[in-house]
Amino acid sequence: MSGRGPGRRPRPAAHADHLLAVDLGAREHYADAALYDHEYRRRRADVRWYRDLARRVLGGPGAILELGCGSGRVTVALARDGHRVTALDQSAPMLAALEARRARLPPSVRERIEPVRGDLRDFALRRRFPLVIAPFNVLEHLYTRVELAACLRAVRRHLAPGGVLAFDVQLPDPGWLARDPARRWARTRFTHPTTGQRTWYSTSHHYDPVSQIAIIHLYYEPERGGREQVVLLSQRKYFPAELEALLAHAGFRVVEHGGDFAGAPLGPGAESQVVVCTVAPRSSTGSRRGGRRAPARPRR
């Protein structure tokens, strides 16, 4: 439970614990790159979609900025297609895994990948790109409206004229959000790629409807006994209308807002929100199209 009641401010201790969990959840899931890659090794639909998008947007080999590149699951596929990918991530273990993967590539592909350590909220690369992407729920690690706005400002500074921003985030599922936080779910057994042990995997989560942040606990329990490992993952949930409003406020125009990587429309049962947007054009008065500039507020 969050310890919050109707009309009450959060208790300082509970609030501090929540902030700590959010911070840990932004990092812990990415500390073991081998385990991360094992868990998502069969995730390929999004890779195909971003490859196709790059062909549509760039028309041939071009420059791409990838935010939250991780260990390079999408990065390498784009580089193999001939694109020059600037791959940005904050996680040192993820970037180290990308470097290891990059070292095994043919020189012609390796040279097209430029790993960069940076923060989603304030990166500054001093160049512009025709395509910026943020695959696999990367923007869910922007936990407040202020953080998302800062990221979108940075994206706009790095987009070439006519450039495209594309990303995917999960479509919040009210049933999943409302699950009992005391129960464990998704219990499965696998061979842990780091320890080599047969391991039970399960999850639980707590969702705070005020901050819209889910704190997910990932449990790794050795089958034959031993210390259970608990890894936190924190995700900010963005609802579709809210997401479009935040993008519009940041000066973007949504071009596509789909429900999966096969072109299905957004609707009940969709797992993802797949978004393509451009910088909204300005009208002759300097305001964004679709609205009027408000009169200046008189000074007092």
Protein backbone atom coordinates (compact mmCIF):
# COMPACT_ATOMS: atom_id res chain seq x y z
CA MET A 1 0.00 0.00 0.00
CA SER A 2 1.15 3.57 -0.69
CA GLY A 3 0.17 4.94 2.75
CA ARG A 4 -1.85 7.73 1.14
CA GLY A 5 -5.39 8.62 2.06
CA PRO A 6 -7.97 10.91 0.42
CA GLY A 7 -6.96 14.54 0.73
CA ARG A 8 -3.78 13.76 2.68
CA ARG A 9 -0.21 14.55 1.79
CA PRO A 10 2.10 11.54 1.46
CA ARG A 11 3.97 10.65 4.60
CA PRO A 12 7.60 11.79 4.28
CA ALA A 13 9.04 8.31 4.92
CA ALA A 14 6.66 6.65 2.46
CA HIS A 15 7.36 9.31 -0.13
CA ALA A 16 11.12 8.87 0.29
CA ASP A 17 10.75 5.08 -0.08
CA HIS A 18 8.75 5.60 -3.27
CA LEU A 19 11.38 7.91 -4.75
CA LEU A 20 14.13 5.43 -3.85
CA ALA A 21 12.20 2.59 -5.50
CA VAL A 22 11.69 4.67 -8.64
CA ASP A 23 15.41 5.46 -8.79
CA LEU A 24 16.44 1.83 -8.24
CA GLY A 25 13.87 0.68 -10.78
CA ALA A 26 15.44 2.89 -13.41
CA ARG A 27 18.76 1.03 -13.05
CA GLU A 28 18.51 -2.46 -11.56
CA HIS A 29 16.81 -4.18 -14.50
CA TYR A 30 19.73 -3.15 -16.72
CA ALA A 31 22.60 -4.14 -14.44
CA ASP A 32 22.89 -7.72 -15.72
CA ALA A 33 23.15 -7.41 -19.50
CA ALA A 34 23.33 -11.17 -20.08
CA LEU A 35 20.08 -11.73 -18.19
CA TYR A 36 18.44 -8.78 -19.95
CA ASP A 37 19.39 -10.10 -23.39
CA HIS A 38 18.19 -13.59 -22.47
CA GLU A 39 14.79 -12.31 -21.37
CA TYR A 40 14.15 -10.34 -24.57
CA ARG A 41 15.94 -12.55 -27.09
CA ARG A 42 12.67 -13.45 -28.85
CA ARG A 43 11.42 -9.87 -29.13
CA ARG A 44 11.73 -9.16 -32.86
CA ALA A 45 8.54 -7.47 -34.09
CA ASP A 46 9.70 -4.06 -32.93
CA VAL A 47 13.08 -4.50 -34.62
CA ARG A 48 11.36 -5.20 -37.93
CA TRP A 49 9.11 -2.17 -37.47
CA TYR A 50 11.99 0.25 -36.76
CA ARG A 51 13.93 -1.12 -39.75
CA ASP A 52 10.92 -0.56 -41.99
CA LEU A 53 10.36 2.91 -40.53
CA ALA A 54 13.97 3.87 -41.27
CA ARG A 55 13.51 2.79 -44.88
CA ARG A 56 10.30 4.81 -45.16
CA VAL A 57 11.68 7.95 -43.55
CA LEU A 58 15.23 7.97 -44.89
CA GLY A 59 14.73 6.31 -48.26
CA GLY A 60 18.16 4.70 -47.94
CA PRO A 61 21.10 4.64 -45.52
CA GLY A 62 20.99 7.65 -43.21
CA ALA A 63 21.73 8.97 -39.73
CA ILE A 64 19.65 7.82 -36.76
CA LEU A 65 19.73 8.84 -33.11
CA GLU A 66 18.56 6.01 -30.86
CA LEU A 67 17.57 6.92 -27.31
CA GLY A 68 17.92 4.16 -24.73
CA CYS A 69 19.81 1.81 -27.03
CA GLY A 70 20.50 -0.77 -24.31
CA SER A 71 22.74 -3.59 -25.47
CA GLY A 72 22.02 -2.87 -29.13
CA ARG A 73 19.15 -5.16 -30.06
CA VAL A 74 17.68 -2.53 -32.43
CA THR A 75 20.96 -0.67 -32.99
CA VAL A 76 22.80 -3.51 -34.69
CA ALA A 77 19.90 -4.34 -37.01
CA LEU A 78 19.77 -0.72 -38.21
CA ALA A 79 23.54 -0.60 -38.68
CA ARG A 80 23.43 -3.81 -40.72
CA ASP A 81 20.93 -2.04 -42.99
CA GLY A 82 23.55 0.62 -43.69
CA HIS A 83 22.40 3.35 -41.29
CA ARG A 84 24.77 5.33 -39.08
CA VAL A 85 23.40 4.96 -35.56
CA THR A 86 24.30 7.20 -32.64
CA ALA A 87 23.31 4.96 -29.73
CA LEU A 88 22.66 6.80 -26.46
CA ASP A 89 22.11 5.20 -23.07
CA GLN A 90 22.71 6.06 -19.41
CA SER A 91 23.47 2.49 -18.26
CA ALA A 92 27.17 1.56 -18.18
CA PRO A 93 26.44 -2.22 -18.19
CA MET A 94 24.19 -1.85 -21.22
CA LEU A 95 26.76 0.21 -23.11
CA ALA A 96 29.46 -2.31 -22.23
CA ALA A 97 27.28 -5.07 -23.68
CA LEU A 98 26.77 -2.99 -26.81
CA GLU A 99 30.53 -2.52 -27.15
CA ALA A 100 31.06 -6.28 -26.80
CA ARG A 101 28.40 -6.96 -29.44
CA ARG A 102 29.86 -4.24 -31.67
CA ALA A 103 33.34 -5.79 -31.45
CA ARG A 104 32.02 -9.01 -33.01
CA LEU A 105 30.55 -7.24 -36.04
CA PRO A 106 32.23 -6.85 -39.43
CA PRO A 107 34.29 -3.61 -39.50
CA SER A 108 31.94 -1.96 -42.01
CA VAL A 109 28.97 -2.45 -39.65
CA ARG A 110 30.93 -1.72 -36.47
CA GLU A 111 32.00 1.69 -37.75
CA ARG A 112 28.39 2.74 -38.30
CA ILE A 113 27.60 2.51 -34.56
CA GLU A 114 28.62 5.32 -32.21
CA PRO A 115 27.84 4.52 -28.55
CA VAL A 116 27.28 7.59 -26.36
CA ARG A 117 26.59 7.73 -22.64
CA GLY A 118 23.97 10.34 -21.90
CA ASP A 119 20.80 11.26 -20.03
CA LEU A 120 17.45 11.30 -21.84
CA ARG A 121 16.63 14.64 -20.24
CA ASP A 122 19.61 16.76 -21.26
CA PHE A 123 21.74 15.14 -23.97
CA ALA A 124 23.63 17.50 -26.28
CA LEU A 125 25.33 16.03 -29.36
CA ARG A 126 25.74 19.22 -31.43
CA ARG A 127 24.26 17.70 -34.55
CA ARG A 128 20.87 16.96 -36.05
CA PHE A 129 19.25 13.77 -37.28
CA PRO A 130 16.45 13.08 -39.75
CA LEU A 131 15.20 10.27 -37.51
CA VAL A 132 15.19 9.92 -33.70
CA ILE A 133 13.84 6.72 -32.15
CA ALA A 134 13.19 5.54 -28.59
CA PRO A 135 12.31 1.83 -28.77
CA PHE A 136 10.95 -0.59 -26.17
CA ASN A 137 9.29 1.62 -23.56
CA VAL A 138 12.31 3.90 -23.12
CA LEU A 139 10.13 6.94 -22.46
CA GLU A 140 8.52 5.11 -19.54
CA HIS A 141 11.71 5.96 -17.65
CA LEU A 142 10.71 9.62 -17.76
CA TYR A 143 8.69 9.65 -14.57
CA THR A 144 7.18 13.14 -14.54
CA ARG A 145 5.70 15.58 -17.02
CA VAL A 146 8.74 17.81 -16.46
CA GLU A 147 11.16 15.00 -17.36
CA LEU A 148 9.25 14.07 -20.51
CA ALA A 149 9.11 17.73 -21.56
CA ALA A 150 12.87 18.06 -21.06
CA CYS A 151 13.49 14.99 -23.22
CA LEU A 152 11.20 16.26 -25.98
CA ARG A 153 12.97 19.63 -25.96
CA ALA A 154 16.29 17.83 -26.39
CA VAL A 155 14.81 15.76 -29.23
CA ARG A 156 13.62 18.90 -31.01
CA ARG A 157 17.11 20.41 -30.74
CA HIS A 158 18.50 17.31 -32.45
CA LEU A 159 15.90 16.84 -35.19
CA ALA A 160 16.80 17.99 -38.70
CA PRO A 161 14.15 20.07 -40.54
CA GLY A 162 11.32 17.72 -41.45
CA GLY A 163 12.73 15.07 -39.11
CA VAL A 164 10.73 12.30 -37.44
CA LEU A 165 10.50 11.11 -33.83
CA ALA A 166 9.27 7.53 -33.34
CA PHE A 167 8.86 5.52 -30.15
CA ASP A 168 6.75 2.89 -28.44
CA VAL A 169 5.37 2.68 -24.92
CA GLN A 170 2.93 0.26 -23.36
CA LEU A 171 -0.81 0.82 -23.45
CA PRO A 172 -1.84 0.85 -19.77
CA ASP A 173 -4.06 -2.10 -18.92
CA PRO A 174 -6.48 -1.21 -16.07
CA GLY A 175 -6.83 -4.87 -15.09
CA TRP A 176 -3.06 -5.32 -14.81
CA LEU A 177 -2.62 -2.05 -12.92
CA ALA A 178 -5.24 -3.10 -10.37
CA ARG A 179 -3.70 -6.50 -9.56
CA ASP A 180 -3.10 -7.41 -5.94
CA PRO A 181 0.45 -6.18 -5.13
CA ALA A 182 0.83 -8.97 -2.56
CA ARG A 183 0.51 -11.72 -5.20
CA ARG A 184 3.12 -13.01 -7.62
CA TRP A 185 2.42 -13.49 -11.29
CA ALA A 186 3.94 -14.99 -14.48
CA ARG A 187 5.71 -17.84 -12.67
CA THR A 188 8.02 -19.60 -15.12
CA ARG A 189 11.24 -21.63 -14.97
CA PHE A 190 14.38 -21.03 -17.01
CA THR A 191 18.15 -21.52 -16.97
CA HIS A 192 19.79 -18.36 -15.69
CA PRO A 193 22.39 -17.24 -18.27
CA THR A 194 24.77 -15.84 -15.64
CA THR A 195 24.60 -18.48 -12.89
CA GLY A 196 23.69 -21.48 -15.07
CA GLN A 197 21.12 -22.52 -12.45
CA ARG A 198 17.56 -23.57 -13.10
CA THR A 199 15.62 -20.61 -11.75
CA TRP A 200 12.03 -19.72 -10.99
CA TYR A 201 10.93 -16.34 -12.30
CA SER A 202 7.88 -14.42 -11.07
CA THR A 203 6.72 -10.82 -10.71
CA SER A 204 4.63 -8.54 -8.55
CA HIS A 205 3.95 -4.84 -8.83
CA HIS A 206 2.46 -1.83 -7.12
CA TYR A 207 0.86 0.94 -9.16
CA ASP A 208 0.45 4.45 -7.79
CA PRO A 209 -2.47 6.09 -9.67
CA VAL A 210 -1.34 9.58 -8.65
CA SER A 211 2.19 9.47 -10.04
CA GLN A 212 1.11 6.84 -12.63
CA ILE A 213 4.28 4.89 -11.81
CA ALA A 214 4.36 1.11 -11.52
CA ILE A 215 7.08 -0.38 -9.31
CA ILE A 216 7.63 -3.91 -10.60
CA HIS A 217 9.46 -6.58 -8.59
CA LEU A 218 11.19 -9.30 -10.63
CA TYR A 219 11.98 -12.38 -8.56
CA TYR A 220 14.70 -14.90 -9.48
CA GLU A 221 14.60 -17.93 -7.15
CA PRO A 222 17.12 -20.79 -7.68
CA GLU A 223 15.20 -24.06 -8.07
CA ARG A 224 17.50 -26.03 -5.73
CA GLY A 225 17.68 -23.46 -3.03
CA GLY A 226 19.78 -20.39 -2.49
CA ARG A 227 19.28 -16.69 -2.15
CA GLU A 228 16.42 -15.21 -4.13
CA GLN A 229 17.32 -12.14 -6.15
CA VAL A 230 14.80 -9.30 -6.37
CA VAL A 231 15.22 -6.72 -9.12
CA LEU A 232 13.18 -3.52 -9.36
CA LEU A 233 11.84 -2.01 -12.56
CA SER A 234 9.96 1.30 -12.46
CA GLN A 235 7.77 2.46 -15.35
CA ARG A 236 5.68 5.59 -15.84
CA LYS A 237 2.39 4.71 -17.56
CA TYR A 238 1.17 7.07 -20.29
CA PHE A 239 -2.46 6.93 -21.36
CA PRO A 240 -3.15 7.65 -25.07
CA ALA A 241 -5.00 10.98 -24.84
CA GLU A 242 -2.56 12.19 -22.19
CA LEU A 243 0.41 11.20 -24.35
CA GLU A 244 -0.92 13.05 -27.39
CA ALA A 245 -1.58 16.15 -25.27
CA LEU A 246 1.95 16.10 -23.85
CA LEU A 247 3.41 15.73 -27.34
CA ALA A 248 1.28 18.62 -28.64
CA HIS A 249 2.32 20.79 -25.71
CA ALA A 250 5.97 20.08 -26.61
CA GLY A 251 5.35 21.17 -30.21
CA PHE A 252 4.95 17.78 -31.90
CA ARG A 253 2.26 16.58 -34.29
CA VAL A 254 1.28 12.91 -34.11
CA VAL A 255 1.32 11.30 -37.56
CA GLU A 256 0.73 7.68 -36.52
CA HIS A 257 -0.53 6.23 -33.22
CA GLY A 258 -1.02 2.51 -33.60
CA GLY A 259 -1.64 -0.46 -31.34
CA ASP A 260 1.14 -2.86 -32.34
CA PHE A 261 4.07 -3.37 -34.72
CA ALA A 262 1.90 -4.97 -37.42
CA GLY A 263 -0.23 -1.91 -38.08
CA ALA A 264 -3.24 -2.76 -35.91
CA PRO A 265 -5.21 0.25 -34.65
CA LEU A 266 -4.96 1.38 -31.06
CA GLY A 267 -7.79 -0.11 -29.05
CA PRO A 268 -8.78 -2.54 -26.29
CA GLY A 269 -6.40 -5.48 -26.09
CA ALA A 270 -3.45 -3.63 -27.60
CA GLU A 271 -0.22 -3.99 -25.65
CA SER A 272 1.74 -1.11 -27.16
CA GLN A 273 1.34 2.43 -28.38
CA VAL A 274 3.49 2.86 -31.48
CA VAL A 275 3.91 6.55 -32.20
CA VAL A 276 5.37 8.52 -35.10
CA CYS A 277 5.44 12.31 -34.92
CA THR A 278 7.01 15.40 -36.44
CA VAL A 279 7.54 18.93 -35.22
CA ALA A 280 4.25 20.79 -35.66
CA PRO A 281 4.45 23.57 -38.27
CA ARG A 282 4.09 27.16 -37.19
CA SER A 283 1.39 29.44 -38.56
CA SER A 284 2.19 32.88 -39.95
CA THR A 285 1.63 34.37 -36.47
CA GLY A 286 4.26 32.08 -34.98
CA SER A 287 1.89 29.86 -33.02
CA ARG A 288 1.36 26.16 -33.66
CA ARG A 289 -1.39 25.35 -36.12
CA GLY A 290 -4.67 24.41 -34.55
CA GLY A 291 -4.63 27.12 -31.91
CA ARG A 292 -4.24 30.84 -31.42
CA ARG A 293 -1.59 32.63 -29.50
CA ALA A 294 -2.97 33.93 -26.21
CA PRO A 295 -2.64 37.68 -25.61
CA ALA A 296 0.32 38.73 -23.54
CA ARG A 297 -0.40 38.93 -19.83
CA PRO A 298 -0.10 42.53 -18.57
CA ARG A 299 2.80 43.16 -16.25
CA ARG A 300 2.01 44.06 -12.66
